[in-house]
Amino acid sequence: MNVQTQLDPVKECYRNQRFVYFDIETIPCQDEDYRAELARKVTPPGNIKKAESIDAWLAENRDRATDEAMSKTSFDGGRGHVCTIAWAKNDSGIEVRHAKTLADERNVIADFFADLDPYHSETLVGHNITGFDLSFLKKRAICLGIKMPSPSSFPRDPKPWDKSVLDTMSAWAGGTNRISMDNLCSILGIPGKAGFDGSMVAEAWAKGDHDTIAEYCKDDIYRTREIHKRFIMAGY
C-alpha cells in the first residue's frame, strides 16, 4: 500500500468532519499573598513536638514546602494561569497565542474561544483534555470573566466518551488508565519531545523564555494531530 492510499482515510475524514486539535501550557499562581498564605499553613511532621524542634524544622523546610505547594497550582485552574494555547483545524496551520504577562492571559483564552464560537460541529482533540485542559480553561474563564463558547463547541464537563471530544490518552489507554504523549508517540513512531517538557514551562516563563514555550506548545499540536491520524487510518 503506498503513502497516498494510506492518507486517503484521513482526507475523507477531514472532508466530513471538522477537528480542532488543541493544547494548553500552564504556570503556577503568581500571587505573593497566596504564597504567604501557603507558607503559614506549612507544619512539621507530627512526631516533632518540642517548640525549638518545630522552629528549627520550619526554618529549614518552610520555603521548600511552600515552593512545592505553589508549583502544584499549575494544575489548578482556580489559582494557576494559562500561558499558552495552540490549536489547528484539520490540516490547517497551527495558531499559537502566548501570554508574556498575566495581563495577557485573558486575550490568549478569548482568542481561542473566539475561533471556536462560529462552529457547532467540531470535535475537540487533545491529550488528556477531558482530565485537564477543558476543566482548566473553564475555571480560568470563570475567574477572568470570559464568555465561553456554546456548549456544543466547548463542553463544560466532558467525559472521555463524549462525541464532542476525542481524548487521545483515553482513546488509547481506556478508562482511567494513563499514557504520556511522549510514550504514545514513541509507540507510534512519531517524533517526541526534544529536551523540553511541561515540567519546564514554569521556570522558562519566569526566565522570560517565551519563544521556547510557544514552540513547544505548537509542536504538541503536530504530535496530537499525527496521533489522531493513526487512529483514523485504523478506523477508530
C-alpha atoms as a PDB file:
ATOM      1  CA  MET A   1       0.000   0.000   0.000  1.00  0.00           C
ATOM      2  CA  ASN A   2       1.511   3.359  -0.994  1.00  0.00           C
ATOM      3  CA  VAL A   3       1.569   6.511   1.130  1.00  0.00           C
ATOM      4  CA  GLN A   4      -1.167   8.191  -0.876  1.00  0.00           C
ATOM      5  CA  THR A   5      -3.533   5.279  -0.258  1.00  0.00           C
ATOM      6  CA  GLN A   6      -2.695   5.330   3.441  1.00  0.00           C
ATOM      7  CA  LEU A   7      -3.627   9.004   3.689  1.00  0.00           C
ATOM      8  CA  ASP A   8      -6.970   8.622   1.919  1.00  0.00           C
ATOM      9  CA  PRO A   9      -8.920   7.753   5.107  1.00  0.00           C
ATOM     10  CA  VAL A  10      -7.612  10.938   6.728  1.00  0.00           C
ATOM     11  CA  LYS A  11      -8.602  13.112   3.778  1.00  0.00           C
ATOM     12  CA  GLU A  12     -12.034  11.516   3.671  1.00  0.00           C
ATOM     13  CA  CYS A  13     -12.490  12.044   7.404  1.00  0.00           C
ATOM     14  CA  TYR A  14     -11.448  15.688   7.128  1.00  0.00           C
ATOM     15  CA  ARG A  15     -13.943  16.214   4.312  1.00  0.00           C
ATOM     16  CA  ASN A  16     -16.782  15.006   6.515  1.00  0.00           C
ATOM     17  CA  GLN A  17     -15.823  16.338   9.932  1.00  0.00           C
ATOM     18  CA  ARG A  18     -14.015  19.285  11.490  1.00  0.00           C
ATOM     19  CA  PHE A  19     -11.497  18.503  14.224  1.00  0.00           C
ATOM     20  CA  VAL A  20      -9.866  21.109  16.448  1.00  0.00           C
ATOM     21  CA  TYR A  21      -6.539  19.955  17.838  1.00  0.00           C
ATOM     22  CA  PHE A  22      -5.544  21.998  20.867  1.00  0.00           C
ATOM     23  CA  ASP A  23      -3.181  22.111  23.821  1.00  0.00           C
ATOM     24  CA  ILE A  24      -2.541  24.489  26.698  1.00  0.00           C
ATOM     25  CA  GLU A  25       0.501  25.270  28.827  1.00  0.00           C
ATOM     26  CA  THR A  26       0.032  26.494  32.373  1.00  0.00           C
ATOM     27  CA  ILE A  27       2.076  28.207  35.071  1.00  0.00           C
ATOM     28  CA  PRO A  28       1.604  28.332  38.860  1.00  0.00           C
ATOM     29  CA  CYS A  29      -0.094  31.075  40.824  1.00  0.00           C
ATOM     30  CA  GLN A  30       1.934  34.304  40.775  1.00  0.00           C
ATOM     31  CA  ASP A  31       0.242  35.901  43.803  1.00  0.00           C
ATOM     32  CA  GLU A  32       2.717  36.528  46.630  1.00  0.00           C
ATOM     33  CA  ASP A  33      -0.143  36.933  49.114  1.00  0.00           C
ATOM     34  CA  TYR A  34      -1.282  33.402  48.326  1.00  0.00           C
ATOM     35  CA  ARG A  35       2.295  32.175  48.692  1.00  0.00           C
ATOM     36  CA  ALA A  36       2.399  33.745  52.149  1.00  0.00           C
ATOM     37  CA  GLU A  37      -0.885  32.026  52.982  1.00  0.00           C
ATOM     38  CA  LEU A  38       0.552  28.659  51.952  1.00  0.00           C
ATOM     39  CA  ALA A  39       3.704  29.346  53.965  1.00  0.00           C
ATOM     40  CA  ARG A  40       1.622  29.921  57.092  1.00  0.00           C
ATOM     41  CA  LYS A  41      -0.028  26.534  56.605  1.00  0.00           C
ATOM     42  CA  VAL A  42       3.235  24.585  56.495  1.00  0.00           C
ATOM     43  CA  THR A  43       3.504  22.317  59.531  1.00  0.00           C
ATOM     44  CA  PRO A  44       6.198  19.869  60.594  1.00  0.00           C
ATOM     45  CA  PRO A  45       5.664  16.108  60.854  1.00  0.00           C
ATOM     46  CA  GLY A  46       3.564  15.009  63.808  1.00  0.00           C
ATOM     47  CA  ASN A  47       6.482  13.360  65.571  1.00  0.00           C
ATOM     48  CA  ILE A  48       8.165  16.751  66.080  1.00  0.00           C
ATOM     49  CA  LYS A  49       6.744  18.085  69.348  1.00  0.00           C
ATOM     50  CA  LYS A  50       9.178  20.439  71.064  1.00  0.00           C
ATOM     51  CA  ALA A  51       8.847  24.141  70.265  1.00  0.00           C
ATOM     52  CA  GLU A  52      12.535  24.534  69.473  1.00  0.00           C
ATOM     53  CA  SER A  53      12.452  21.476  67.191  1.00  0.00           C
ATOM     54  CA  ILE A  54       9.400  22.834  65.394  1.00  0.00           C
ATOM     55  CA  ASP A  55      11.106  26.207  64.876  1.00  0.00           C
ATOM     56  CA  ALA A  56      14.239  24.514  63.573  1.00  0.00           C
ATOM     57  CA  TRP A  57      12.258  22.331  61.177  1.00  0.00           C
ATOM     58  CA  LEU A  58      10.286  25.298  59.835  1.00  0.00           C
ATOM     59  CA  ALA A  59      13.439  27.364  59.368  1.00  0.00           C
ATOM     60  CA  GLU A  60      14.928  24.577  57.282  1.00  0.00           C
ATOM     61  CA  ASN A  61      11.868  23.360  55.387  1.00  0.00           C
ATOM     62  CA  ARG A  62       9.192  26.076  55.141  1.00  0.00           C
ATOM     63  CA  ASP A  63      10.451  27.698  51.927  1.00  0.00           C
ATOM     64  CA  ARG A  64      10.901  24.363  50.143  1.00  0.00           C
ATOM     65  CA  ALA A  65       7.445  23.139  51.206  1.00  0.00           C
ATOM     66  CA  THR A  66       5.876  26.434  50.126  1.00  0.00           C
ATOM     67  CA  ASP A  67       7.610  26.292  46.742  1.00  0.00           C
ATOM     68  CA  GLU A  68       6.295  22.755  46.218  1.00  0.00           C
ATOM     69  CA  ALA A  69       2.739  23.800  47.123  1.00  0.00           C
ATOM     70  CA  MET A  70       2.921  26.799  44.786  1.00  0.00           C
ATOM     71  CA  SER A  71       4.239  24.685  41.914  1.00  0.00           C
ATOM     72  CA  LYS A  72       1.206  22.400  42.191  1.00  0.00           C
ATOM     73  CA  THR A  73      -1.126  25.316  41.435  1.00  0.00           C
ATOM     74  CA  SER A  74      -0.135  24.984  37.774  1.00  0.00           C
ATOM     75  CA  PHE A  75      -2.649  22.099  37.795  1.00  0.00           C
ATOM     76  CA  ASP A  76      -5.365  24.189  39.482  1.00  0.00           C
ATOM     77  CA  GLY A  77      -7.441  26.394  37.194  1.00  0.00           C
ATOM     78  CA  GLY A  78      -8.581  28.426  40.183  1.00  0.00           C
ATOM     79  CA  ARG A  79      -5.064  29.507  41.139  1.00  0.00           C
ATOM     80  CA  GLY A  80      -2.778  28.835  38.176  1.00  0.00           C
ATOM     81  CA  HIS A  81      -2.731  30.573  34.801  1.00  0.00           C
ATOM     82  CA  VAL A  82      -2.845  29.694  31.113  1.00  0.00           C
ATOM     83  CA  CYS A  83       0.308  30.996  29.469  1.00  0.00           C
ATOM     84  CA  THR A  84      -0.051  29.373  26.031  1.00  0.00           C
ATOM     85  CA  ILE A  85      -2.717  27.879  23.789  1.00  0.00           C
ATOM     86  CA  ALA A  86      -2.010  26.307  20.403  1.00  0.00           C
ATOM     87  CA  TRP A  87      -4.635  24.899  18.057  1.00  0.00           C
ATOM     88  CA  ALA A  88      -5.313  23.819  14.491  1.00  0.00           C
ATOM     89  CA  LYS A  89      -8.359  22.744  12.490  1.00  0.00           C
ATOM     90  CA  ASN A  90      -7.924  19.578  10.451  1.00  0.00           C
ATOM     91  CA  ASP A  91      -4.814  20.091   8.296  1.00  0.00           C
ATOM     92  CA  SER A  92      -4.701  23.881   8.666  1.00  0.00           C
ATOM     93  CA  GLY A  93      -1.751  25.834  10.011  1.00  0.00           C
ATOM     94  CA  ILE A  94      -1.198  25.917  13.757  1.00  0.00           C
ATOM     95  CA  GLU A  95      -2.283  29.011  15.681  1.00  0.00           C
ATOM     96  CA  VAL A  96      -0.386  29.939  18.854  1.00  0.00           C
ATOM     97  CA  ARG A  97      -1.242  32.536  21.498  1.00  0.00           C
ATOM     98  CA  HIS A  98       1.176  33.150  24.368  1.00  0.00           C
ATOM     99  CA  ALA A  99       0.956  35.336  27.465  1.00  0.00           C
ATOM    100  CA  LYS A 100       4.186  37.104  28.353  1.00  0.00           C
ATOM    101  CA  THR A 101       2.457  38.736  31.326  1.00  0.00           C
ATOM    102  CA  LEU A 102      -0.520  37.806  33.495  1.00  0.00           C
ATOM    103  CA  ALA A 103      -2.444  40.647  31.861  1.00  0.00           C
ATOM    104  CA  ASP A 104      -2.125  38.816  28.523  1.00  0.00           C
ATOM    105  CA  GLU A 105      -3.833  35.653  29.775  1.00  0.00           C
ATOM    106  CA  ARG A 106      -7.346  36.904  29.148  1.00  0.00           C
ATOM    107  CA  ASN A 107      -6.714  37.664  25.481  1.00  0.00           C
ATOM    108  CA  VAL A 108      -4.959  34.321  24.951  1.00  0.00           C
ATOM    109  CA  ILE A 109      -8.034  32.422  26.133  1.00  0.00           C
ATOM    110  CA  ALA A 110     -10.511  34.783  24.465  1.00  0.00           C
ATOM    111  CA  ASP A 111      -8.773  34.414  21.076  1.00  0.00           C
ATOM    112  CA  PHE A 112      -9.042  30.634  21.265  1.00  0.00           C
ATOM    113  CA  PHE A 113     -12.699  30.792  22.298  1.00  0.00           C
ATOM    114  CA  ALA A 114     -13.496  33.266  19.519  1.00  0.00           C
ATOM    115  CA  ASP A 115     -12.130  30.882  16.914  1.00  0.00           C
ATOM    116  CA  LEU A 116     -14.341  28.083  18.219  1.00  0.00           C
ATOM    117  CA  ASP A 117     -17.515  30.107  18.570  1.00  0.00           C
ATOM    118  CA  PRO A 118     -18.706  30.179  14.923  1.00  0.00           C
ATOM    119  CA  TYR A 119     -18.585  26.390  14.594  1.00  0.00           C
ATOM    120  CA  HIS A 120     -21.032  23.953  16.091  1.00  0.00           C
ATOM    121  CA  SER A 121     -19.963  20.633  14.580  1.00  0.00           C
ATOM    122  CA  GLU A 122     -16.356  20.469  15.722  1.00  0.00           C
ATOM    123  CA  THR A 123     -14.705  17.707  17.699  1.00  0.00           C
ATOM    124  CA  LEU A 124     -12.031  18.870  20.119  1.00  0.00           C
ATOM    125  CA  VAL A 125      -8.968  16.610  20.038  1.00  0.00           C
ATOM    126  CA  GLY A 126      -6.144  16.595  22.567  1.00  0.00           C
ATOM    127  CA  HIS A 127      -4.159  14.513  25.011  1.00  0.00           C
ATOM    128  CA  ASN A 128      -5.813  14.330  28.453  1.00  0.00           C
ATOM    129  CA  ILE A 129      -8.154  17.199  27.583  1.00  0.00           C
ATOM    130  CA  THR A 130     -11.091  15.645  29.450  1.00  0.00           C
ATOM    131  CA  GLY A 131      -8.940  15.233  32.552  1.00  0.00           C
ATOM    132  CA  PHE A 132      -7.195  18.602  32.484  1.00  0.00           C
ATOM    133  CA  ASP A 133      -7.268  21.147  29.645  1.00  0.00           C
ATOM    134  CA  LEU A 134     -11.008  21.728  29.301  1.00  0.00           C
ATOM    135  CA  SER A 135     -11.586  21.964  33.038  1.00  0.00           C
ATOM    136  CA  PHE A 136      -8.643  24.334  33.495  1.00  0.00           C
ATOM    137  CA  LEU A 137      -9.909  26.610  30.715  1.00  0.00           C
ATOM    138  CA  LYS A 138     -13.428  26.598  32.136  1.00  0.00           C
ATOM    139  CA  LYS A 139     -12.155  27.686  35.552  1.00  0.00           C
ATOM    140  CA  ARG A 140      -9.937  30.397  34.091  1.00  0.00           C
ATOM    141  CA  ALA A 141     -12.877  31.709  32.070  1.00  0.00           C
ATOM    142  CA  ILE A 142     -14.973  31.958  35.229  1.00  0.00           C
ATOM    143  CA  CYS A 143     -12.153  33.643  37.178  1.00  0.00           C
ATOM    144  CA  LEU A 144     -11.415  36.148  34.404  1.00  0.00           C
ATOM    145  CA  GLY A 145     -14.999  36.790  33.301  1.00  0.00           C
ATOM    146  CA  ILE A 146     -14.521  35.424  29.789  1.00  0.00           C
ATOM    147  CA  LYS A 147     -17.664  34.272  27.993  1.00  0.00           C
ATOM    148  CA  MET A 148     -17.254  30.654  26.956  1.00  0.00           C
ATOM    149  CA  PRO A 149     -18.344  29.402  23.528  1.00  0.00           C
ATOM    150  CA  SER A 150     -21.587  27.473  23.256  1.00  0.00           C
ATOM    151  CA  PRO A 151     -21.571  24.055  24.974  1.00  0.00           C
ATOM    152  CA  SER A 152     -21.796  22.405  21.552  1.00  0.00           C
ATOM    153  CA  SER A 153     -18.328  23.711  20.668  1.00  0.00           C
ATOM    154  CA  PHE A 154     -16.843  23.837  24.181  1.00  0.00           C
ATOM    155  CA  PRO A 155     -18.351  21.198  26.519  1.00  0.00           C
ATOM    156  CA  ARG A 156     -18.441  22.211  30.176  1.00  0.00           C
ATOM    157  CA  ASP A 157     -17.940  18.843  31.861  1.00  0.00           C
ATOM    158  CA  PRO A 158     -16.971  16.353  29.152  1.00  0.00           C
ATOM    159  CA  LYS A 159     -16.437  12.648  29.678  1.00  0.00           C
ATOM    160  CA  PRO A 160     -13.921  10.633  27.626  1.00  0.00           C
ATOM    161  CA  TRP A 161     -16.776   9.071  25.630  1.00  0.00           C
ATOM    162  CA  ASP A 162     -18.487  12.355  24.698  1.00  0.00           C
ATOM    163  CA  LYS A 163     -18.854  12.765  20.928  1.00  0.00           C
ATOM    164  CA  SER A 164     -17.773  16.408  21.120  1.00  0.00           C
ATOM    165  CA  VAL A 165     -14.281  15.453  22.309  1.00  0.00           C
ATOM    166  CA  LEU A 166     -11.645  12.913  21.373  1.00  0.00           C
ATOM    167  CA  ASP A 167      -9.113  12.462  24.150  1.00  0.00           C
ATOM    168  CA  THR A 168      -6.140  10.617  22.683  1.00  0.00           C
ATOM    169  CA  MET A 169      -4.991   9.436  26.101  1.00  0.00           C
ATOM    170  CA  SER A 170      -8.355   7.867  26.939  1.00  0.00           C
ATOM    171  CA  ALA A 171      -8.790   6.582  23.403  1.00  0.00           C
ATOM    172  CA  TRP A 172      -5.502   4.700  23.667  1.00  0.00           C
ATOM    173  CA  ALA A 173      -5.302   3.722  27.342  1.00  0.00           C
ATOM    174  CA  GLY A 174      -9.030   3.390  28.055  1.00  0.00           C
ATOM    175  CA  GLY A 175     -10.970   4.096  31.230  1.00  0.00           C
ATOM    176  CA  THR A 176      -8.907   5.670  33.974  1.00  0.00           C
ATOM    177  CA  ASN A 177      -5.573   4.394  32.667  1.00  0.00           C
ATOM    178  CA  ARG A 178      -2.926   6.853  31.535  1.00  0.00           C
ATOM    179  CA  ILE A 179      -0.163   7.142  28.965  1.00  0.00           C
ATOM    180  CA  SER A 180       2.068  10.137  28.343  1.00  0.00           C
ATOM    181  CA  MET A 181       2.018  11.756  24.930  1.00  0.00           C
ATOM    182  CA  ASP A 182       5.749  11.142  24.611  1.00  0.00           C
ATOM    183  CA  ASN A 183       5.316   7.419  25.307  1.00  0.00           C
ATOM    184  CA  LEU A 184       2.444   7.156  22.842  1.00  0.00           C
ATOM    185  CA  CYS A 185       4.485   8.969  20.187  1.00  0.00           C
ATOM    186  CA  SER A 186       7.329   6.516  20.759  1.00  0.00           C
ATOM    187  CA  ILE A 187       4.967   3.576  20.289  1.00  0.00           C
ATOM    188  CA  LEU A 188       3.541   5.020  17.071  1.00  0.00           C
ATOM    189  CA  GLY A 189       6.866   6.137  15.603  1.00  0.00           C
ATOM    190  CA  ILE A 190       6.125   9.860  15.888  1.00  0.00           C
ATOM    191  CA  PRO A 191       8.963  12.223  16.886  1.00  0.00           C
ATOM    192  CA  GLY A 192       8.611  13.006  20.591  1.00  0.00           C
ATOM    193  CA  LYS A 193       9.561  15.898  22.820  1.00  0.00           C
ATOM    194  CA  ALA A 194      13.108  17.126  22.206  1.00  0.00           C
ATOM    195  CA  GLY A 195      14.621  18.020  25.577  1.00  0.00           C
ATOM    196  CA  PHE A 196      11.791  20.258  26.810  1.00  0.00           C
ATOM    197  CA  ASP A 197       8.595  19.156  28.542  1.00  0.00           C
ATOM    198  CA  GLY A 198       5.699  20.548  30.548  1.00  0.00           C
ATOM    199  CA  SER A 199       7.575  20.385  33.835  1.00  0.00           C
ATOM    200  CA  MET A 200       9.946  23.053  32.492  1.00  0.00           C
ATOM    201  CA  VAL A 201       7.300  25.583  31.457  1.00  0.00           C
ATOM    202  CA  ALA A 202       7.051  27.461  34.763  1.00  0.00           C
ATOM    203  CA  GLU A 203      10.799  28.056  35.026  1.00  0.00           C
ATOM    204  CA  ALA A 204      11.063  29.049  31.367  1.00  0.00           C
ATOM    205  CA  TRP A 205       8.196  31.546  31.771  1.00  0.00           C
ATOM    206  CA  ALA A 206       9.792  33.041  34.877  1.00  0.00           C
ATOM    207  CA  LYS A 207      13.042  33.492  32.933  1.00  0.00           C
ATOM    208  CA  GLY A 208      11.240  35.141  30.007  1.00  0.00           C
ATOM    209  CA  ASP A 209      11.968  32.274  27.619  1.00  0.00           C
ATOM    210  CA  HIS A 210       8.595  32.725  25.925  1.00  0.00           C
ATOM    211  CA  ASP A 211       9.538  31.553  22.428  1.00  0.00           C
ATOM    212  CA  THR A 212      10.578  28.133  23.748  1.00  0.00           C
ATOM    213  CA  ILE A 213       7.208  27.631  25.456  1.00  0.00           C
ATOM    214  CA  ALA A 214       5.231  28.756  22.416  1.00  0.00           C
ATOM    215  CA  GLU A 215       7.202  26.482  20.091  1.00  0.00           C
ATOM    216  CA  TYR A 216       6.825  23.546  22.479  1.00  0.00           C
ATOM    217  CA  CYS A 217       3.043  24.008  22.619  1.00  0.00           C
ATOM    218  CA  LYS A 218       2.930  24.291  18.832  1.00  0.00           C
ATOM    219  CA  ASP A 219       4.886  21.046  18.488  1.00  0.00           C
ATOM    220  CA  ASP A 220       2.370  19.306  20.756  1.00  0.00           C
ATOM    221  CA  ILE A 221      -0.342  20.109  18.207  1.00  0.00           C
ATOM    222  CA  TYR A 222       1.729  18.449  15.496  1.00  0.00           C
ATOM    223  CA  ARG A 223       2.128  15.384  17.729  1.00  0.00           C
ATOM    224  CA  THR A 224      -1.556  15.288  18.668  1.00  0.00           C
ATOM    225  CA  ARG A 225      -2.641  15.530  15.046  1.00  0.00           C
ATOM    226  CA  GLU A 226      -0.252  12.768  13.984  1.00  0.00           C
ATOM    227  CA  ILE A 227      -1.539  10.511  16.783  1.00  0.00           C
ATOM    228  CA  HIS A 228      -5.117  11.166  15.722  1.00  0.00           C
ATOM    229  CA  LYS A 229      -4.302  10.382  12.092  1.00  0.00           C
ATOM    230  CA  ARG A 230      -3.069   6.947  13.186  1.00  0.00           C
ATOM    231  CA  PHE A 231      -6.434   6.425  14.869  1.00  0.00           C
ATOM    232  CA  ILE A 232      -8.305   7.474  11.719  1.00  0.00           C
ATOM    233  CA  MET A 233      -6.281   5.195   9.459  1.00  0.00           C
ATOM    234  CA  ALA A 234      -7.086   2.297  11.792  1.00  0.00           C
ATOM    235  CA  GLY A 235     -10.804   3.067  11.503  1.00  0.00           C
ATOM    236  CA  TYR A 236     -11.178   4.399  15.054  1.00  0.00           C
END
